[in-house]
Amino acid sequence: MKRKRFVKLAMSYGVQRNEAERLAKLVCVLGSYEAIFAHYRHYLEGKCAIAVFQRIYKSVLRAVRPMVKTLQELFCGIDWATAAEDEDGESGGKEF
């Protein structure tokens, strides 16, 4: 594997070009670009998985926000002190 192929392969996992270039400089330590890729494969897959989870999180957040706003508007109009008394069937204050 050549340096250019290694960099493009790392970038396909979501790694920025500068970080891929820094990883490619490890060729003098690990001996080949294949060895670098094999050594850092789990790291690269992890970065890719994190990006997927971030996209899922953002889409769930976009779906939930309107529901939360609706619930806030619904519960904001409730007088909780009166609602608790009505639930007990009493209209006055409680005695201890």
Protein backbone atom coordinates (compact mmCIF):
# COMPACT_ATOMS: atom_id res chain seq x y z
CA MET A 1 0.00 0.00 0.00
CA LYS A 2 1.32 3.43 -0.89
CA ARG A 3 1.12 6.52 1.30
CA LYS A 4 -1.59 8.15 -0.83
CA ARG A 5 -3.79 5.03 -0.64
CA PHE A 6 -3.30 4.84 3.14
CA VAL A 7 -4.29 8.48 3.59
CA LYS A 8 -7.41 8.10 1.42
CA LEU A 9 -8.35 4.89 3.22
CA ALA A 10 -7.99 6.57 6.62
CA MET A 11 -10.05 9.52 5.38
CA SER A 12 -12.80 7.13 4.30
CA TYR A 13 -13.13 6.23 7.99
CA GLY A 14 -13.79 9.89 8.85
CA VAL A 15 -10.24 10.88 9.80
CA GLN A 16 -9.20 14.38 8.79
CA ARG A 17 -6.41 14.64 6.23
CA ASN A 18 -3.90 16.15 8.68
CA GLU A 19 -4.48 13.35 11.17
CA ALA A 20 -4.15 10.74 8.42
CA GLU A 21 -0.85 12.33 7.37
CA ARG A 22 0.39 12.16 10.98
CA LEU A 23 -0.56 8.48 11.14
CA ALA A 24 1.26 7.88 7.85
CA LYS A 25 4.47 9.23 9.39
CA LEU A 26 4.48 6.15 11.65
CA VAL A 27 5.76 4.12 8.70
CA CYS A 28 9.29 4.44 10.05
CA VAL A 29 8.14 2.86 13.34
CA LEU A 30 5.79 0.15 12.11
CA GLY A 31 7.50 -0.60 8.81
CA SER A 32 4.66 -0.36 6.28
CA TYR A 33 1.39 1.36 5.65
CA GLU A 34 -0.38 -2.00 5.88
CA ALA A 35 1.04 -2.43 9.38
CA ILE A 36 -0.09 1.07 10.35
CA PHE A 37 -3.57 0.38 9.03
CA ALA A 38 -3.75 -2.99 10.80
CA HIS A 39 -2.53 -1.40 14.04
CA TYR A 40 -4.97 1.53 13.93
CA ARG A 41 -7.92 -0.21 12.24
CA HIS A 42 -9.98 -0.43 15.45
CA TYR A 43 -9.25 3.23 16.19
CA LEU A 44 -10.40 4.21 12.70
CA GLU A 45 -13.53 2.04 12.96
CA GLY A 46 -14.26 3.61 16.35
CA LYS A 47 -14.05 7.11 14.90
CA CYS A 48 -16.43 6.03 12.14
CA ALA A 49 -18.87 4.53 14.67
CA ILE A 50 -18.79 7.69 16.77
CA ALA A 51 -19.71 9.75 13.71
CA VAL A 52 -22.66 7.43 13.03
CA PHE A 53 -23.87 7.69 16.65
CA GLN A 54 -23.60 11.47 16.50
CA ARG A 55 -25.79 11.55 13.39
CA ILE A 56 -28.34 9.27 15.10
CA TYR A 57 -28.30 11.44 18.23
CA LYS A 58 -28.92 14.58 16.20
CA SER A 59 -31.82 13.02 14.31
CA VAL A 60 -33.44 11.76 17.53
CA LEU A 61 -32.97 15.17 19.10
CA ARG A 62 -34.68 16.84 16.12
CA ALA A 63 -37.63 14.44 16.52
CA VAL A 64 -37.94 14.81 20.31
CA ARG A 65 -37.62 18.59 20.65
CA PRO A 66 -41.11 19.38 19.29
CA MET A 67 -42.62 16.79 21.66
CA VAL A 68 -40.82 18.29 24.65
CA LYS A 69 -42.00 21.77 23.70
CA THR A 70 -45.60 20.53 23.42
CA LEU A 71 -45.41 18.81 26.82
CA GLN A 72 -43.93 21.93 28.41
CA GLU A 73 -46.78 24.02 27.03
CA LEU A 74 -49.31 21.44 28.23
CA PHE A 75 -47.96 21.16 31.77
CA CYS A 76 -47.22 24.86 32.11
CA GLY A 77 -50.95 25.65 32.16
CA ILE A 78 -51.74 23.26 35.02
CA ASP A 79 -52.10 24.62 38.55
CA TRP A 80 -50.46 21.73 40.37
CA ALA A 81 -51.75 22.69 43.83
CA THR A 82 -55.35 22.68 42.62
CA ALA A 83 -54.83 19.51 40.59
CA ALA A 84 -53.57 17.61 43.66
CA GLU A 85 -56.58 18.67 45.71
CA ASP A 86 -59.00 17.72 42.95
CA GLU A 87 -57.39 14.31 42.72
CA ASP A 88 -58.01 13.65 46.43
CA GLY A 89 -61.59 14.79 46.14
CA GLU A 90 -61.10 17.65 48.57
CA SER A 91 -61.52 21.30 47.82
CA GLY A 92 -59.87 22.74 50.92
CA GLY A 93 -56.41 22.49 52.42
CA LYS A 94 -55.23 19.33 54.12
CA GLU A 95 -55.10 19.06 57.86
CA PHE A 96 -52.33 17.31 59.71
